[in-house]
C-alpha cells in the first residue's frame, strides 16, 4: 500500500449489499467508479452520491493485490433498518419522531432523545445498552459525513458517559472551552461499539 490511500473495511453488515457482492473485512477500497478514495469519509460521500440500484465498481486492495468488486447500491433507509435488526415497526413509526425533534437538544448537527422503552422498541436497542439515542442527523454535518445515523446510541461524549440528551451540548461546550476542535463519541450500533471524532463547526 505504499503511496496509496483508501478506506479499510473493518466490518460488514450481515446481508448487506457489500457482503453479498463479496467485499471482505481487511479489504482496502481505493476507488469507486474510477475515482480515487482517500479516506473513509470520502468513501461515504461517494457512495451516498449514488442512487438505489446503481452498480458501484469498487477498486480494492486485497492481500496486497488489486481486485475489483461490483456492488449494487441499496436504499439508505433500508440499510438503517437492517442495522436495527429489521425492526418491522420502523416504517410504521419512522415519521413520528420527526415532530418533536426540533424541541430536543441539538449539537454537532444532530438532535438527541432519551433512550426510553419507546426508543428501544423503535430502533431495536437491547436493554443492557445505556446512553442517548440520535434522533436526526444533518447530512451536510461532519456527523453525517462520518456515517452517524438515526438510531445510533451515544454511550460517551468526550470523557463522560452520556446519560441524558443535554449531556451532548454540554460536551461540546466543554471541548470548546478546552480549545479542542472535535468531540470523541463512543457509538453503539447493532451490537458493536465505534469511536468517532466529530468536528465542532465554527
N, C-alpha and C. Protein backbone atom coordinates (compact mmCIF):
# COMPACT_ATOMS: atom_id res chain seq x y z
N UNK A 1 0.82 -1.22 0.00
CA UNK A 1 0.00 0.00 0.00
C UNK A 1 0.85 1.26 0.00
N UNK A 2 2.15 1.15 -0.22
CA UNK A 2 3.00 2.33 -0.21
C UNK A 2 2.51 3.35 -1.23
N UNK A 3 2.31 4.58 -0.75
CA UNK A 3 1.89 5.65 -1.65
C UNK A 3 0.42 5.66 -1.97
N UNK A 4 -0.34 4.70 -1.44
CA UNK A 4 -1.78 4.64 -1.72
C UNK A 4 -2.58 5.05 -0.50
N UNK A 5 -3.77 5.59 -0.75
CA UNK A 5 -4.71 5.90 0.31
C UNK A 5 -6.01 5.16 0.02
N UNK A 6 -6.83 4.99 1.06
CA UNK A 6 -8.09 4.29 0.86
C UNK A 6 -8.87 4.20 2.14
N UNK A 7 -9.87 3.32 2.15
CA UNK A 7 -10.72 3.10 3.31
C UNK A 7 -10.69 1.62 3.67
N UNK A 8 -10.25 1.34 4.88
CA UNK A 8 -10.15 -0.05 5.33
C UNK A 8 -11.52 -0.58 5.75
N UNK A 9 -11.89 -1.75 5.26
CA UNK A 9 -13.14 -2.38 5.65
C UNK A 9 -12.92 -3.13 6.95
N UNK A 10 -13.53 -2.64 8.03
CA UNK A 10 -13.36 -3.28 9.34
C UNK A 10 -14.41 -4.35 9.57
N UNK A 11 -15.68 -4.02 9.23
CA UNK A 11 -16.77 -4.96 9.43
C UNK A 11 -17.76 -4.81 8.29
N UNK A 12 -18.61 -5.83 8.12
CA UNK A 12 -19.65 -5.80 7.10
C UNK A 12 -21.01 -6.00 7.75
N UNK A 13 -22.02 -5.30 7.25
CA UNK A 13 -23.38 -5.51 7.71
C UNK A 13 -23.88 -6.84 7.16
N UNK A 14 -24.26 -7.79 8.03
CA UNK A 14 -24.74 -9.10 7.56
C UNK A 14 -25.90 -8.93 6.58
N UNK A 15 -25.77 -9.56 5.42
CA UNK A 15 -26.83 -9.50 4.43
C UNK A 15 -26.86 -8.23 3.62
N UNK A 16 -25.94 -7.30 3.89
CA UNK A 16 -25.92 -6.03 3.18
C UNK A 16 -25.34 -6.17 1.78
N UNK A 17 -25.47 -5.11 0.96
CA UNK A 17 -25.00 -5.16 -0.42
C UNK A 17 -23.52 -5.50 -0.56
N UNK A 18 -22.69 -4.94 0.32
CA UNK A 18 -21.25 -5.19 0.21
C UNK A 18 -20.92 -6.66 0.49
N UNK A 19 -21.54 -7.21 1.53
CA UNK A 19 -21.28 -8.62 1.84
C UNK A 19 -21.75 -9.53 0.70
N UNK A 20 -22.93 -9.23 0.16
CA UNK A 20 -23.46 -10.04 -0.94
C UNK A 20 -22.55 -9.99 -2.16
N UNK A 21 -21.89 -8.84 -2.36
CA UNK A 21 -21.03 -8.68 -3.53
C UNK A 21 -19.67 -9.32 -3.35
N UNK A 22 -19.33 -9.70 -2.11
CA UNK A 22 -18.05 -10.36 -1.87
C UNK A 22 -16.98 -9.48 -1.27
N UNK A 23 -17.34 -8.27 -0.82
CA UNK A 23 -16.37 -7.46 -0.08
C UNK A 23 -16.01 -8.17 1.22
N UNK A 24 -14.75 -8.11 1.62
CA UNK A 24 -14.29 -8.85 2.79
C UNK A 24 -13.65 -7.91 3.81
N UNK A 25 -13.77 -8.24 5.11
CA UNK A 25 -13.04 -7.48 6.12
C UNK A 25 -11.54 -7.52 5.81
N UNK A 26 -10.89 -6.38 5.92
CA UNK A 26 -9.48 -6.30 5.57
C UNK A 26 -9.23 -5.75 4.19
N UNK A 27 -10.28 -5.74 3.34
CA UNK A 27 -10.14 -5.08 2.04
C UNK A 27 -9.90 -3.60 2.24
N UNK A 28 -9.16 -3.00 1.33
CA UNK A 28 -8.97 -1.55 1.33
C UNK A 28 -9.55 -1.01 0.03
N UNK A 29 -10.61 -0.21 0.15
CA UNK A 29 -11.24 0.38 -1.03
C UNK A 29 -10.43 1.59 -1.44
N UNK A 30 -9.88 1.56 -2.65
CA UNK A 30 -9.04 2.66 -3.12
C UNK A 30 -9.69 3.45 -4.25
N UNK A 31 -10.85 2.97 -4.75
CA UNK A 31 -11.51 3.69 -5.82
C UNK A 31 -12.96 3.29 -5.96
N UNK A 32 -13.80 4.22 -6.43
CA UNK A 32 -15.21 3.96 -6.73
C UNK A 32 -15.49 4.52 -8.12
N UNK A 33 -15.87 3.65 -9.03
CA UNK A 33 -16.17 4.06 -10.41
C UNK A 33 -15.04 4.89 -11.03
N UNK A 34 -13.81 4.49 -10.73
CA UNK A 34 -12.66 5.16 -11.32
C UNK A 34 -12.17 6.37 -10.57
N UNK A 35 -12.90 6.80 -9.53
CA UNK A 35 -12.49 7.95 -8.73
C UNK A 35 -11.73 7.46 -7.50
N UNK A 36 -10.57 8.04 -7.19
CA UNK A 36 -9.80 7.57 -6.03
C UNK A 36 -10.52 7.83 -4.71
N UNK A 37 -10.30 6.94 -3.75
CA UNK A 37 -10.84 7.09 -2.39
C UNK A 37 -9.67 7.41 -1.48
N UNK A 38 -9.77 8.52 -0.74
CA UNK A 38 -8.66 8.96 0.10
C UNK A 38 -8.87 8.69 1.57
N UNK A 39 -10.13 8.41 1.99
CA UNK A 39 -10.41 8.19 3.40
C UNK A 39 -11.78 7.53 3.53
N UNK A 40 -12.13 7.12 4.75
CA UNK A 40 -13.43 6.50 4.97
C UNK A 40 -14.56 7.49 4.71
N UNK A 41 -14.37 8.76 5.12
CA UNK A 41 -15.42 9.75 4.87
C UNK A 41 -15.56 10.06 3.39
N UNK A 42 -14.46 10.00 2.66
CA UNK A 42 -14.53 10.19 1.21
C UNK A 42 -15.32 9.07 0.56
N UNK A 43 -15.10 7.84 1.02
CA UNK A 43 -15.87 6.70 0.51
C UNK A 43 -17.35 6.88 0.82
N UNK A 44 -17.67 7.33 2.05
CA UNK A 44 -19.06 7.56 2.43
C UNK A 44 -19.71 8.58 1.49
N UNK A 45 -19.02 9.66 1.19
CA UNK A 45 -19.57 10.69 0.31
C UNK A 45 -19.82 10.15 -1.10
N UNK A 46 -18.86 9.38 -1.61
CA UNK A 46 -19.02 8.87 -2.97
C UNK A 46 -20.16 7.87 -3.07
N UNK A 47 -20.28 7.01 -2.07
CA UNK A 47 -21.38 6.03 -2.09
C UNK A 47 -22.71 6.73 -1.92
N UNK A 48 -22.75 7.76 -1.05
CA UNK A 48 -24.00 8.49 -0.81
C UNK A 48 -24.49 9.20 -2.07
N UNK A 49 -23.59 9.49 -3.00
CA UNK A 49 -23.98 10.19 -4.22
C UNK A 49 -24.65 9.27 -5.23
N UNK A 50 -24.63 7.97 -4.99
CA UNK A 50 -25.24 7.03 -5.92
C UNK A 50 -26.74 6.92 -5.66
N UNK A 51 -27.43 6.28 -6.59
CA UNK A 51 -28.87 6.07 -6.48
C UNK A 51 -29.15 4.59 -6.25
N UNK A 52 -30.29 4.31 -5.66
CA UNK A 52 -30.67 2.92 -5.41
C UNK A 52 -30.68 2.15 -6.73
N UNK A 53 -30.01 1.01 -6.71
CA UNK A 53 -29.95 0.18 -7.91
C UNK A 53 -28.72 0.39 -8.75
N UNK A 54 -27.99 1.50 -8.52
CA UNK A 54 -26.75 1.74 -9.25
C UNK A 54 -25.72 0.65 -8.91
N UNK A 55 -24.91 0.28 -9.88
CA UNK A 55 -23.82 -0.65 -9.64
C UNK A 55 -22.55 0.16 -9.43
N UNK A 56 -21.94 0.01 -8.25
CA UNK A 56 -20.70 0.70 -7.93
C UNK A 56 -19.53 -0.23 -8.20
N UNK A 57 -18.61 0.24 -9.01
CA UNK A 57 -17.42 -0.54 -9.33
C UNK A 57 -16.32 -0.15 -8.34
N UNK A 58 -16.04 -1.02 -7.37
CA UNK A 58 -15.05 -0.74 -6.35
C UNK A 58 -13.68 -1.29 -6.76
N UNK A 59 -12.67 -0.44 -6.64
CA UNK A 59 -11.29 -0.91 -6.81
C UNK A 59 -10.76 -1.21 -5.41
N UNK A 60 -10.32 -2.43 -5.20
CA UNK A 60 -9.99 -2.91 -3.86
C UNK A 60 -8.60 -3.52 -3.85
N UNK A 61 -7.86 -3.24 -2.76
CA UNK A 61 -6.61 -3.96 -2.50
C UNK A 61 -6.92 -5.07 -1.51
N UNK A 62 -6.58 -6.29 -1.88
CA UNK A 62 -6.85 -7.46 -1.03
C UNK A 62 -5.61 -8.33 -1.01
N UNK A 63 -5.04 -8.49 0.18
CA UNK A 63 -3.82 -9.30 0.28
C UNK A 63 -2.67 -8.71 -0.51
N UNK A 64 -2.67 -7.37 -0.64
CA UNK A 64 -1.58 -6.72 -1.36
C UNK A 64 -1.76 -6.68 -2.86
N UNK A 65 -2.88 -7.24 -3.36
CA UNK A 65 -3.11 -7.28 -4.81
C UNK A 65 -4.41 -6.55 -5.15
N UNK A 66 -4.45 -5.84 -6.27
CA UNK A 66 -5.67 -5.13 -6.67
C UNK A 66 -6.71 -6.10 -7.23
N UNK A 67 -7.97 -5.80 -6.92
CA UNK A 67 -9.08 -6.57 -7.48
C UNK A 67 -10.27 -5.63 -7.60
N UNK A 68 -11.30 -6.08 -8.30
CA UNK A 68 -12.50 -5.26 -8.49
C UNK A 68 -13.71 -5.99 -7.95
N UNK A 69 -14.62 -5.24 -7.35
CA UNK A 69 -15.87 -5.79 -6.82
C UNK A 69 -17.01 -4.86 -7.24
N UNK A 70 -18.06 -5.44 -7.81
CA UNK A 70 -19.23 -4.66 -8.19
C UNK A 70 -20.31 -4.81 -7.12
N UNK A 71 -20.74 -3.68 -6.57
CA UNK A 71 -21.75 -3.67 -5.50
C UNK A 71 -22.96 -2.88 -5.98
N UNK A 72 -24.14 -3.49 -5.85
CA UNK A 72 -25.37 -2.79 -6.22
C UNK A 72 -25.83 -1.95 -5.04
N UNK A 73 -25.96 -0.66 -5.27
CA UNK A 73 -26.32 0.26 -4.19
C UNK A 73 -27.74 -0.01 -3.70
N UNK A 74 -27.90 0.06 -2.37
CA UNK A 74 -29.22 -0.11 -1.78
C UNK A 74 -29.80 1.22 -1.35
N UNK A 75 -31.01 1.19 -0.80
CA UNK A 75 -31.65 2.40 -0.29
C UNK A 75 -31.19 2.61 1.13
N UNK A 76 -30.73 3.83 1.45
CA UNK A 76 -30.14 4.08 2.76
C UNK A 76 -31.09 3.76 3.92
N UNK A 77 -32.38 4.16 3.88
CA UNK A 77 -33.26 3.80 5.00
C UNK A 77 -33.35 2.31 5.22
N UNK A 78 -33.35 1.53 4.13
CA UNK A 78 -33.42 0.08 4.29
C UNK A 78 -32.18 -0.45 4.99
N UNK A 79 -31.03 0.12 4.67
CA UNK A 79 -29.80 -0.31 5.35
C UNK A 79 -29.88 0.03 6.84
N UNK A 80 -30.47 1.18 7.15
CA UNK A 80 -30.61 1.58 8.55
C UNK A 80 -31.51 0.60 9.28
N UNK A 81 -32.58 0.19 8.63
CA UNK A 81 -33.48 -0.77 9.26
C UNK A 81 -32.77 -2.11 9.46
N UNK A 82 -31.94 -2.49 8.50
CA UNK A 82 -31.19 -3.74 8.64
C UNK A 82 -30.26 -3.67 9.84
N UNK A 83 -29.62 -2.54 10.04
CA UNK A 83 -28.72 -2.36 11.18
C UNK A 83 -29.48 -2.36 12.49
N UNK A 84 -30.78 -2.13 12.43
CA UNK A 84 -31.62 -2.15 13.63
C UNK A 84 -32.33 -3.49 13.76
N UNK A 85 -31.70 -4.53 13.19
CA UNK A 85 -32.23 -5.89 13.30
C UNK A 85 -33.59 -6.06 12.66
N UNK A 86 -33.80 -5.33 11.52
CA UNK A 86 -35.03 -5.49 10.75
C UNK A 86 -36.27 -5.32 11.60
N UNK A 87 -36.30 -4.27 12.41
CA UNK A 87 -37.47 -3.96 13.22
C UNK A 87 -38.65 -3.67 12.31
N UNK A 88 -39.66 -4.52 12.34
CA UNK A 88 -40.79 -4.39 11.44
C UNK A 88 -41.58 -3.12 11.66
N UNK A 89 -41.44 -2.53 12.83
CA UNK A 89 -42.22 -1.34 13.13
C UNK A 89 -41.52 -0.05 12.69
N UNK A 90 -40.31 -0.15 12.14
CA UNK A 90 -39.57 1.05 11.82
C UNK A 90 -40.28 1.89 10.78
N UNK A 91 -40.84 1.24 9.73
CA UNK A 91 -41.50 2.00 8.69
C UNK A 91 -42.75 2.67 9.20
N UNK A 92 -43.52 1.95 10.05
CA UNK A 92 -44.78 2.50 10.53
C UNK A 92 -44.56 3.69 11.44
N UNK A 93 -43.48 3.66 12.21
CA UNK A 93 -43.25 4.69 13.19
C UNK A 93 -42.19 5.69 12.76
N UNK A 94 -41.64 5.47 11.53
CA UNK A 94 -40.49 6.27 11.12
C UNK A 94 -40.73 7.75 11.12
N UNK A 95 -41.98 8.19 10.79
CA UNK A 95 -42.22 9.61 10.72
C UNK A 95 -42.56 10.24 12.04
N UNK A 96 -42.89 9.46 13.05
CA UNK A 96 -43.39 10.01 14.29
C UNK A 96 -42.37 10.82 15.08
N UNK A 97 -41.08 10.39 15.16
CA UNK A 97 -40.14 11.16 15.98
C UNK A 97 -39.80 12.53 15.38
N UNK A 98 -40.12 12.76 14.10
CA UNK A 98 -39.68 13.99 13.47
C UNK A 98 -40.35 15.22 14.08
N UNK A 99 -41.62 15.09 14.52
CA UNK A 99 -42.33 16.26 15.02
C UNK A 99 -41.69 16.87 16.26
N UNK A 100 -41.33 16.05 17.29
CA UNK A 100 -40.73 16.66 18.47
C UNK A 100 -39.25 16.95 18.34
N UNK A 101 -38.61 16.52 17.24
CA UNK A 101 -37.17 16.64 17.13
C UNK A 101 -36.64 18.05 17.32
N UNK A 102 -37.32 19.11 16.74
CA UNK A 102 -36.76 20.45 16.92
C UNK A 102 -36.65 20.89 18.37
N UNK A 103 -37.53 20.37 19.26
CA UNK A 103 -37.51 20.77 20.66
C UNK A 103 -36.46 20.01 21.46
N UNK A 104 -35.82 19.03 20.84
CA UNK A 104 -34.86 18.21 21.56
C UNK A 104 -33.47 18.84 21.48
N UNK A 105 -32.61 18.52 22.46
CA UNK A 105 -31.25 19.08 22.44
C UNK A 105 -30.54 18.75 21.14
N UNK A 106 -29.82 19.72 20.61
CA UNK A 106 -29.08 19.53 19.37
C UNK A 106 -27.61 19.91 19.59
N UNK A 107 -26.74 19.23 18.85
CA UNK A 107 -25.31 19.52 18.87
C UNK A 107 -24.65 18.75 17.74
N UNK A 108 -23.60 19.33 17.18
CA UNK A 108 -22.81 18.65 16.15
C UNK A 108 -23.63 18.24 14.95
N UNK A 109 -24.71 18.97 14.65
CA UNK A 109 -25.55 18.64 13.51
C UNK A 109 -26.52 17.51 13.76
N UNK A 110 -26.74 17.17 15.03
CA UNK A 110 -27.64 16.07 15.39
C UNK A 110 -28.63 16.52 16.45
N UNK A 111 -29.77 15.83 16.54
CA UNK A 111 -30.68 16.01 17.66
C UNK A 111 -30.74 14.71 18.43
N UNK A 112 -31.00 14.81 19.74
CA UNK A 112 -30.88 13.65 20.62
C UNK A 112 -32.14 13.47 21.46
N UNK A 113 -32.45 12.22 21.77
CA UNK A 113 -33.59 11.90 22.61
C UNK A 113 -33.20 10.90 23.68
N UNK A 114 -34.04 10.74 24.70
CA UNK A 114 -33.74 9.77 25.76
C UNK A 114 -33.87 8.34 25.26
N UNK A 115 -33.07 7.47 25.82
CA UNK A 115 -33.13 6.06 25.45
C UNK A 115 -34.17 5.38 26.34
N UNK A 116 -35.45 5.65 26.05
CA UNK A 116 -36.54 5.07 26.84
C UNK A 116 -37.06 3.82 26.14
N UNK A 117 -38.10 3.22 26.71
CA UNK A 117 -38.61 1.97 26.15
C UNK A 117 -39.14 2.15 24.73
N UNK A 118 -39.73 3.31 24.47
CA UNK A 118 -40.23 3.57 23.13
C UNK A 118 -39.09 3.58 22.11
N UNK A 119 -37.98 4.24 22.47
CA UNK A 119 -36.83 4.29 21.57
C UNK A 119 -36.21 2.90 21.40
N UNK A 120 -36.17 2.13 22.47
CA UNK A 120 -35.61 0.78 22.37
C UNK A 120 -36.41 -0.08 21.40
N UNK A 121 -37.75 0.03 21.48
CA UNK A 121 -38.58 -0.75 20.56
C UNK A 121 -38.44 -0.26 19.13
N UNK A 122 -38.38 1.06 18.98
CA UNK A 122 -38.33 1.65 17.64
C UNK A 122 -37.06 1.26 16.90
N UNK A 123 -35.93 1.26 17.63
CA UNK A 123 -34.65 1.03 16.98
C UNK A 123 -34.04 -0.33 17.29
N UNK A 124 -34.74 -1.16 18.07
CA UNK A 124 -34.22 -2.49 18.38
C UNK A 124 -32.97 -2.46 19.25
N UNK A 125 -32.96 -1.59 20.26
CA UNK A 125 -31.79 -1.43 21.13
C UNK A 125 -31.95 -2.30 22.37
N UNK A 126 -30.98 -3.17 22.69
CA UNK A 126 -31.09 -4.07 23.85
C UNK A 126 -31.20 -3.30 25.17
N UNK A 127 -31.76 -3.98 26.17
CA UNK A 127 -31.99 -3.35 27.47
C UNK A 127 -30.69 -3.03 28.21
N UNK A 128 -29.60 -3.73 27.88
CA UNK A 128 -28.35 -3.51 28.61
C UNK A 128 -27.52 -2.35 28.06
N UNK A 129 -27.98 -1.73 26.98
CA UNK A 129 -27.26 -0.59 26.40
C UNK A 129 -27.73 0.69 27.08
N UNK A 130 -26.79 1.53 27.48
CA UNK A 130 -27.10 2.79 28.13
C UNK A 130 -26.54 3.95 27.30
N UNK A 131 -27.27 5.05 27.26
CA UNK A 131 -26.78 6.20 26.54
C UNK A 131 -27.91 7.09 26.07
N UNK A 132 -27.67 7.80 24.97
CA UNK A 132 -28.61 8.75 24.39
C UNK A 132 -28.79 8.40 22.92
N UNK A 133 -30.03 8.38 22.45
CA UNK A 133 -30.28 7.97 21.08
C UNK A 133 -30.24 9.18 20.14
N UNK A 134 -29.64 8.99 18.98
CA UNK A 134 -29.63 10.02 17.94
C UNK A 134 -30.96 9.96 17.20
N UNK A 135 -31.69 11.09 17.18
CA UNK A 135 -32.99 11.13 16.52
C UNK A 135 -32.91 11.67 15.09
N UNK A 136 -31.94 12.51 14.80
CA UNK A 136 -31.79 13.02 13.44
C UNK A 136 -30.34 13.46 13.23
N UNK A 137 -29.90 13.41 11.97
CA UNK A 137 -28.55 13.82 11.61
C UNK A 137 -28.62 14.65 10.34
N UNK A 138 -28.01 15.81 10.36
CA UNK A 138 -27.94 16.63 9.15
C UNK A 138 -26.94 16.00 8.19
N UNK A 139 -27.37 15.68 6.95
CA UNK A 139 -26.44 15.04 6.00
C UNK A 139 -25.20 15.87 5.71
N UNK A 140 -25.32 17.20 5.81
CA UNK A 140 -24.19 18.06 5.48
C UNK A 140 -23.23 18.25 6.65
N UNK A 141 -23.58 17.76 7.83
CA UNK A 141 -22.71 17.91 9.00
C UNK A 141 -21.57 16.91 8.96
N UNK A 142 -20.56 17.15 9.80
CA UNK A 142 -19.45 16.20 9.90
C UNK A 142 -19.95 14.85 10.40
N UNK A 143 -20.94 14.87 11.30
CA UNK A 143 -21.52 13.62 11.79
C UNK A 143 -22.16 12.83 10.66
N UNK A 144 -22.88 13.55 9.79
CA UNK A 144 -23.49 12.88 8.64
C UNK A 144 -22.46 12.34 7.68
N UNK A 145 -21.38 13.11 7.45
CA UNK A 145 -20.33 12.66 6.56
C UNK A 145 -19.59 11.45 7.13
N UNK A 146 -19.53 11.36 8.46
CA UNK A 146 -18.85 10.24 9.10
C UNK A 146 -19.75 9.00 9.23
N UNK A 147 -21.00 9.12 8.79
CA UNK A 147 -21.88 7.96 8.75
C UNK A 147 -22.75 7.75 9.96
N UNK A 148 -22.76 8.70 10.91
CA UNK A 148 -23.68 8.56 12.04
C UNK A 148 -25.10 8.69 11.53
N UNK A 149 -26.04 8.00 12.20
CA UNK A 149 -27.40 7.96 11.68
C UNK A 149 -28.41 7.83 12.81
N UNK A 150 -29.63 8.08 12.47
CA UNK A 150 -30.74 7.97 13.40
C UNK A 150 -30.79 6.55 13.97
N UNK A 151 -30.95 6.46 15.29
CA UNK A 151 -31.00 5.15 15.94
C UNK A 151 -29.69 4.73 16.56
N UNK A 152 -28.58 5.40 16.19
CA UNK A 152 -27.31 5.15 16.87
C UNK A 152 -27.43 5.62 18.33
N UNK A 153 -26.69 4.97 19.22
CA UNK A 153 -26.71 5.35 20.63
C UNK A 153 -25.36 5.94 21.00
N UNK A 154 -25.37 7.16 21.54
CA UNK A 154 -24.14 7.78 22.05
C UNK A 154 -23.94 7.30 23.48
N UNK A 155 -22.90 6.52 23.71
CA UNK A 155 -22.61 5.96 25.03
C UNK A 155 -21.77 6.94 25.85
N UNK A 156 -20.77 7.55 25.20
CA UNK A 156 -19.91 8.53 25.87
C UNK A 156 -19.69 9.70 24.93
N UNK A 157 -19.54 10.88 25.51
CA UNK A 157 -19.20 12.08 24.75
C UNK A 157 -18.04 12.74 25.44
N UNK A 158 -16.91 12.82 24.76
CA UNK A 158 -15.70 13.30 25.41
C UNK A 158 -15.25 12.31 26.46
N UNK A 159 -15.05 12.77 27.68
CA UNK A 159 -14.59 11.87 28.74
C UNK A 159 -15.70 11.52 29.72
N UNK A 160 -16.96 11.75 29.33
CA UNK A 160 -18.07 11.48 30.25
C UNK A 160 -19.11 10.58 29.60
N UNK A 161 -19.79 9.81 30.44
CA UNK A 161 -20.90 8.99 29.95
C UNK A 161 -22.05 9.90 29.54
N UNK A 162 -22.76 9.51 28.49
CA UNK A 162 -23.94 10.25 28.04
C UNK A 162 -25.17 9.65 28.71
N UNK A 163 -25.68 10.36 29.71
CA UNK A 163 -26.82 9.87 30.48
C UNK A 163 -28.13 10.52 30.06
N UNK A 164 -28.04 11.74 29.50
CA UNK A 164 -29.25 12.44 29.07
C UNK A 164 -28.93 13.24 27.82
N UNK A 165 -29.96 13.60 27.01
CA UNK A 165 -29.70 14.36 25.79
C UNK A 165 -28.94 15.65 26.02
N UNK A 166 -29.14 16.28 27.16
CA UNK A 166 -28.45 17.54 27.44
C UNK A 166 -26.95 17.36 27.61
N UNK A 167 -26.48 16.12 27.83
CA UNK A 167 -25.04 15.89 28.01
C UNK A 167 -24.26 16.14 26.72
N UNK A 168 -24.93 16.06 25.56
CA UNK A 168 -24.19 16.25 24.31
C UNK A 168 -23.82 17.71 24.08
N UNK A 169 -24.78 18.66 24.18
CA UNK A 169 -24.36 20.06 24.09
C UNK A 169 -23.34 20.44 25.16
N UNK A 170 -23.47 19.85 26.35
CA UNK A 170 -22.52 20.14 27.42
C UNK A 170 -21.11 19.68 27.05
N UNK A 171 -21.03 18.52 26.39
CA UNK A 171 -19.72 18.01 25.97
C UNK A 171 -19.09 18.91 24.91
N UNK A 172 -19.92 19.44 24.02
CA UNK A 172 -19.41 20.36 23.00
C UNK A 172 -18.89 21.63 23.66
N UNK A 173 -19.64 22.17 24.61
CA UNK A 173 -19.20 23.38 25.32
C UNK A 173 -17.89 23.14 26.05
N UNK A 174 -17.76 21.96 26.69
CA UNK A 174 -16.52 21.65 27.40
C UNK A 174 -15.34 21.56 26.45
N UNK A 175 -15.57 20.97 25.27
CA UNK A 175 -14.49 20.86 24.28
C UNK A 175 -14.08 22.24 23.77
N UNK A 176 -15.06 23.13 23.57
CA UNK A 176 -14.74 24.48 23.11
C UNK A 176 -13.91 25.22 24.15
N UNK A 177 -14.31 25.08 25.42
CA UNK A 177 -13.56 25.76 26.48
C UNK A 177 -12.13 25.26 26.57
N UNK A 178 -11.94 23.97 26.26
CA UNK A 178 -10.60 23.39 26.33
C UNK A 178 -9.81 23.62 25.05
N UNK A 179 -10.43 24.25 24.05
CA UNK A 179 -9.74 24.53 22.81
C UNK A 179 -9.61 23.34 21.89
N UNK A 180 -10.45 22.31 22.09
CA UNK A 180 -10.38 21.13 21.23
C UNK A 180 -11.23 21.33 19.98
N UNK A 181 -10.78 20.85 18.82
CA UNK A 181 -11.52 21.06 17.58
C UNK A 181 -12.62 20.03 17.33
N UNK A 182 -12.67 18.99 18.16
CA UNK A 182 -13.64 17.92 17.93
C UNK A 182 -14.05 17.28 19.25
N UNK A 183 -15.10 16.48 19.18
CA UNK A 183 -15.58 15.73 20.34
C UNK A 183 -15.56 14.24 19.98
N UNK A 184 -14.92 13.43 20.80
CA UNK A 184 -14.87 12.00 20.57
C UNK A 184 -16.13 11.34 21.13
N UNK A 185 -16.88 10.66 20.26
CA UNK A 185 -18.10 9.98 20.67
C UNK A 185 -17.91 8.46 20.61
N UNK A 186 -18.39 7.78 21.64
CA UNK A 186 -18.47 6.32 21.60
C UNK A 186 -19.90 5.98 21.19
N UNK A 187 -20.03 5.27 20.08
CA UNK A 187 -21.34 4.96 19.49
C UNK A 187 -21.60 3.46 19.57
N UNK A 188 -22.80 3.10 20.02
CA UNK A 188 -23.23 1.71 19.98
C UNK A 188 -24.18 1.53 18.81
N UNK A 189 -23.87 0.55 17.96
CA UNK A 189 -24.70 0.27 16.79
C UNK A 189 -24.69 -1.22 16.48
N UNK A 190 -25.87 -1.81 16.48
CA UNK A 190 -26.01 -3.19 16.04
C UNK A 190 -25.06 -4.14 16.79
N UNK A 191 -24.95 -3.94 18.11
CA UNK A 191 -24.17 -4.86 18.93
C UNK A 191 -22.69 -4.59 18.99
N UNK A 192 -22.23 -3.48 18.40
CA UNK A 192 -20.80 -3.18 18.46
C UNK A 192 -20.59 -1.72 18.78
N UNK A 193 -19.38 -1.37 19.19
CA UNK A 193 -19.06 -0.01 19.57
C UNK A 193 -18.10 0.61 18.56
N UNK A 194 -18.34 1.88 18.24
CA UNK A 194 -17.49 2.63 17.34
C UNK A 194 -17.00 3.89 18.06
N UNK A 195 -15.83 4.37 17.71
CA UNK A 195 -15.33 5.63 18.24
C UNK A 195 -15.16 6.59 17.06
N UNK A 196 -15.85 7.72 17.13
CA UNK A 196 -15.83 8.68 16.03
C UNK A 196 -15.56 10.07 16.58
N UNK A 197 -14.57 10.75 16.04
CA UNK A 197 -14.28 12.14 16.41
C UNK A 197 -15.06 13.06 15.48
N UNK A 198 -15.98 13.84 16.03
CA UNK A 198 -16.81 14.74 15.23
C UNK A 198 -16.31 16.17 15.40
N UNK A 199 -16.06 16.83 14.29
CA UNK A 199 -15.54 18.20 14.32
C UNK A 199 -16.60 19.16 14.83
N UNK A 200 -16.16 20.15 15.59
CA UNK A 200 -17.05 21.20 16.07
C UNK A 200 -17.11 22.28 15.00
N UNK A 201 -18.30 22.59 14.52
CA UNK A 201 -18.46 23.61 13.49
C UNK A 201 -18.09 24.98 14.05
N UNK A 202 -17.50 25.84 13.23
CA UNK A 202 -17.14 27.18 13.69
C UNK A 202 -18.37 27.96 14.16
